[in-house]
Amino acid sequence: MRSASVSRRTSETDVSVSLSLDGSGKTGITTGVGFLDHMLELLARHALFDLEVKVAGDLHVDQHHTTEDTGIALGQAFLKALGDKKGIARYADVHLPMDETLTRVAVDISGRPFLVFRTAFPTEKIGAFDTELVREWFQAFAMNAGITLHVETLYGDNSHHIAESCFKGLARALRRAVALDPREEGRVPSTKGAL
């Protein structure tokens, strides 16, 4: 089982994450931010990752630190769980429809963190959640997971649907990218011999 646990404590948040890449989508998530919990639950379910997340954050300030630091810790756990990356598919992309919305997500488990995020939200909030925090979470996750990640919403009108399509698209792309390719026979999928 490719799994890892990460704890991250700062003056703003206390985050613990346990992740198994070879799971079934089981979750136990309590961040204190309902919309973030929802996004992480569907991420785990559609990636078929088992995911436990517990966060105590400075929500009296706002939801920014909790959202960003959760992305950081989950990215670190993802990188740790991958180990030497031998045998993985490495690349994956998906077009994810969510009602009127369509989002394209492409990932390279490259060891070279980079994010292209071309997604706009028609509203500033989804319930109490600031929509600008969606990009913050993706930035934190990609940088700490060491992946190249492109997210582009091609069209959409509903902010909730747009955010959900981004997280589900990431889930489906990661599910394919971390899959073990029997033709690789335990090799690192790079001419460099390392990722």
Protein backbone atom coordinates (compact mmCIF):
# COMPACT_ATOMS: atom_id res chain seq x y z
CA MET A 1 0.00 0.00 0.00
CA ARG A 2 1.33 3.40 -1.01
CA SER A 3 0.40 5.52 1.98
CA ALA A 4 1.70 8.37 4.12
CA SER A 5 0.81 10.55 7.07
CA VAL A 6 1.80 14.18 7.53
CA SER A 7 1.36 16.57 10.43
CA ARG A 8 1.87 20.30 10.01
CA ARG A 9 1.56 22.76 12.87
CA THR A 10 1.95 26.53 12.64
CA SER A 11 0.68 29.44 14.72
CA GLU A 12 -2.31 29.53 12.33
CA THR A 13 -3.26 25.88 11.83
CA ASP A 14 -2.74 22.35 13.09
CA VAL A 15 -3.21 19.89 10.21
CA SER A 16 -2.94 16.11 10.13
CA VAL A 17 -3.40 14.09 6.95
CA SER A 18 -3.34 10.34 6.29
CA LEU A 19 -3.50 9.23 2.67
CA SER A 20 -3.55 5.89 0.88
CA LEU A 21 -3.27 5.99 -2.90
CA ASP A 22 -4.50 2.40 -3.23
CA GLY A 23 -7.73 2.79 -1.33
CA SER A 24 -11.44 2.73 -2.08
CA GLY A 25 -12.44 6.35 -1.43
CA LYS A 26 -13.04 6.12 2.32
CA THR A 27 -12.85 9.46 4.12
CA GLY A 28 -12.86 11.09 7.52
CA ILE A 29 -12.53 14.83 6.97
CA THR A 30 -13.05 17.69 9.42
CA THR A 31 -11.42 20.99 8.47
CA GLY A 32 -13.99 23.32 10.02
CA VAL A 33 -14.78 24.58 6.50
CA GLY A 34 -17.84 22.76 5.19
CA PHE A 35 -17.27 23.44 1.50
CA LEU A 36 -13.62 22.35 1.72
CA ASP A 37 -14.70 19.13 3.46
CA HIS A 38 -17.11 18.49 0.59
CA MET A 39 -14.41 19.06 -2.06
CA LEU A 40 -11.90 16.80 -0.29
CA GLU A 41 -14.50 14.06 0.16
CA LEU A 42 -15.31 14.01 -3.54
CA LEU A 43 -11.60 14.24 -4.42
CA ALA A 44 -10.92 11.09 -2.40
CA ARG A 45 -14.00 9.29 -3.70
CA HIS A 46 -13.26 9.90 -7.37
CA ALA A 47 -9.51 9.27 -7.03
CA LEU A 48 -10.21 6.13 -4.95
CA PHE A 49 -7.82 7.44 -2.30
CA ASP A 50 -8.48 6.75 1.37
CA LEU A 51 -8.15 10.10 3.11
CA GLU A 52 -8.24 11.29 6.71
CA VAL A 53 -7.90 15.03 7.34
CA LYS A 54 -8.19 16.86 10.65
CA VAL A 55 -7.62 20.59 10.92
CA ALA A 56 -7.83 23.11 13.73
CA GLY A 57 -7.39 26.52 12.13
CA ASP A 58 -7.78 30.22 12.85
CA LEU A 59 -11.26 30.41 11.39
CA HIS A 60 -11.94 33.48 13.52
CA VAL A 61 -9.64 35.28 11.05
CA ASP A 62 -10.95 33.67 7.83
CA GLN A 63 -10.77 30.39 5.89
CA HIS A 64 -7.57 31.16 3.97
CA HIS A 65 -4.97 29.59 6.26
CA THR A 66 -7.04 26.45 6.82
CA THR A 67 -7.61 25.97 3.08
CA GLU A 68 -4.02 26.66 2.04
CA ASP A 69 -2.40 24.63 4.81
CA THR A 70 -4.68 21.67 4.08
CA GLY A 71 -3.47 21.80 0.46
CA ILE A 72 0.15 21.95 1.62
CA ALA A 73 -0.18 18.95 3.96
CA LEU A 74 -2.14 16.87 1.46
CA GLY A 75 0.44 17.64 -1.23
CA GLN A 76 3.24 16.56 1.10
CA ALA A 77 1.40 13.33 1.95
CA PHE A 78 0.81 12.64 -1.76
CA LEU A 79 4.51 13.09 -2.57
CA LYS A 80 5.55 10.90 0.35
CA ALA A 81 3.04 8.17 -0.54
CA LEU A 82 4.36 7.99 -4.12
CA GLY A 83 7.82 7.01 -2.92
CA ASP A 84 10.26 6.53 -5.81
CA LYS A 85 7.42 6.73 -8.38
CA LYS A 86 8.48 3.48 -10.04
CA GLY A 87 5.92 1.96 -12.36
CA ILE A 88 3.39 4.82 -12.32
CA ALA A 89 1.61 6.01 -15.46
CA ARG A 90 2.84 9.55 -14.64
CA TYR A 91 0.67 11.52 -17.11
CA ALA A 92 -3.10 11.84 -17.24
CA ASP A 93 -5.77 14.23 -18.43
CA VAL A 94 -9.53 14.38 -18.22
CA HIS A 95 -12.45 16.49 -19.35
CA LEU A 96 -14.88 16.62 -16.44
CA PRO A 97 -18.50 17.68 -17.02
CA MET A 98 -20.59 18.97 -14.12
CA ASP A 99 -24.02 19.95 -15.42
CA GLU A 100 -23.45 23.14 -17.48
CA THR A 101 -19.73 23.25 -16.65
CA LEU A 102 -16.80 21.57 -18.40
CA THR A 103 -13.29 21.58 -16.94
CA ARG A 104 -10.10 20.13 -18.39
CA VAL A 105 -7.41 18.88 -15.99
CA ALA A 106 -3.99 17.57 -17.03
CA VAL A 107 -1.31 16.31 -14.67
CA ASP A 108 2.32 15.24 -14.89
CA ILE A 109 3.83 13.70 -11.78
CA SER A 110 7.07 15.30 -12.82
CA GLY A 111 8.90 16.43 -9.71
CA ARG A 112 8.69 19.91 -11.24
CA PRO A 113 5.85 21.74 -9.48
CA PHE A 114 3.88 24.14 -11.65
CA LEU A 115 0.28 25.28 -11.76
CA VAL A 116 -1.68 26.78 -14.64
CA PHE A 117 -5.15 27.66 -13.34
CA ARG A 118 -7.49 29.16 -15.92
CA THR A 119 -10.76 29.12 -14.07
CA ALA A 120 -13.01 32.07 -13.26
CA PHE A 121 -15.94 32.15 -10.86
CA PRO A 122 -19.04 34.26 -11.48
CA THR A 123 -19.50 34.83 -7.73
CA GLU A 124 -17.09 35.75 -4.94
CA LYS A 125 -18.51 33.16 -2.56
CA ILE A 126 -19.99 29.68 -2.52
CA GLY A 127 -22.01 29.87 0.68
CA ALA A 128 -19.46 31.24 3.15
CA PHE A 129 -16.46 30.01 1.13
CA ASP A 130 -14.39 32.55 -0.85
CA THR A 131 -14.06 31.27 -4.42
CA GLU A 132 -10.52 32.70 -4.69
CA LEU A 133 -9.48 30.01 -2.19
CA VAL A 134 -10.02 27.29 -4.79
CA ARG A 135 -6.94 28.46 -6.66
CA GLU A 136 -5.03 28.83 -3.37
CA TRP A 137 -5.73 25.20 -2.52
CA PHE A 138 -4.65 23.98 -5.98
CA GLN A 139 -1.46 26.08 -5.80
CA ALA A 140 -0.57 24.71 -2.37
CA PHE A 141 -1.29 21.12 -3.38
CA ALA A 142 0.60 21.22 -6.70
CA MET A 143 3.71 22.88 -5.23
CA ASN A 144 3.95 20.42 -2.34
CA ALA A 145 3.00 17.33 -4.35
CA GLY A 146 5.72 18.16 -6.90
CA ILE A 147 3.36 17.91 -9.87
CA THR A 148 2.76 19.91 -13.00
CA LEU A 149 -0.96 20.68 -13.00
CA HIS A 150 -3.10 22.44 -15.59
CA VAL A 151 -6.72 23.26 -14.74
CA GLU A 152 -8.93 25.10 -17.22
CA THR A 153 -12.67 25.56 -17.05
CA LEU A 154 -13.82 25.76 -20.64
CA TYR A 155 -17.27 27.04 -19.69
CA GLY A 156 -19.65 27.16 -16.76
CA ASP A 157 -22.13 29.42 -14.99
CA ASN A 158 -22.50 28.06 -11.46
CA SER A 159 -19.61 28.64 -9.03
CA HIS A 160 -20.31 25.46 -7.06
CA HIS A 161 -20.31 23.38 -10.25
CA ILE A 162 -17.10 25.04 -11.45
CA ALA A 163 -15.25 24.31 -8.20
CA GLU A 164 -16.58 20.76 -8.08
CA SER A 165 -15.53 20.09 -11.67
CA CYS A 166 -11.99 21.23 -10.82
CA PHE A 167 -11.69 18.92 -7.81
CA LYS A 168 -13.33 15.95 -9.54
CA GLY A 169 -11.16 16.52 -12.61
CA LEU A 170 -8.06 16.51 -10.44
CA ALA A 171 -9.27 13.34 -8.73
CA ARG A 172 -9.79 11.46 -11.97
CA ALA A 173 -6.48 12.65 -13.43
CA LEU A 174 -4.53 11.67 -10.30
CA ARG A 175 -6.25 8.29 -10.22
CA ARG A 176 -4.92 7.55 -13.71
CA ALA A 177 -1.50 9.13 -13.19
CA VAL A 178 -0.66 7.15 -10.03
CA ALA A 179 -1.93 3.86 -11.52
CA LEU A 180 0.76 1.23 -11.85
CA ASP A 181 1.57 0.38 -15.47
CA PRO A 182 2.60 -3.27 -15.78
CA ARG A 183 4.62 -2.44 -18.92
CA GLU A 184 6.90 -0.20 -16.85
CA GLU A 185 7.94 -3.21 -14.74
CA GLY A 186 8.97 -1.09 -11.79
CA ARG A 187 10.89 1.48 -13.83
CA VAL A 188 10.66 5.22 -13.26
CA PRO A 189 8.73 6.63 -16.26
CA SER A 190 11.44 9.05 -17.38
CA THR A 191 14.49 8.90 -19.65
CA LYS A 192 16.34 10.63 -16.79
CA GLY A 193 15.74 7.62 -14.54
CA ALA A 194 14.30 9.80 -11.78
CA LEU A 195 11.34 12.09 -11.19
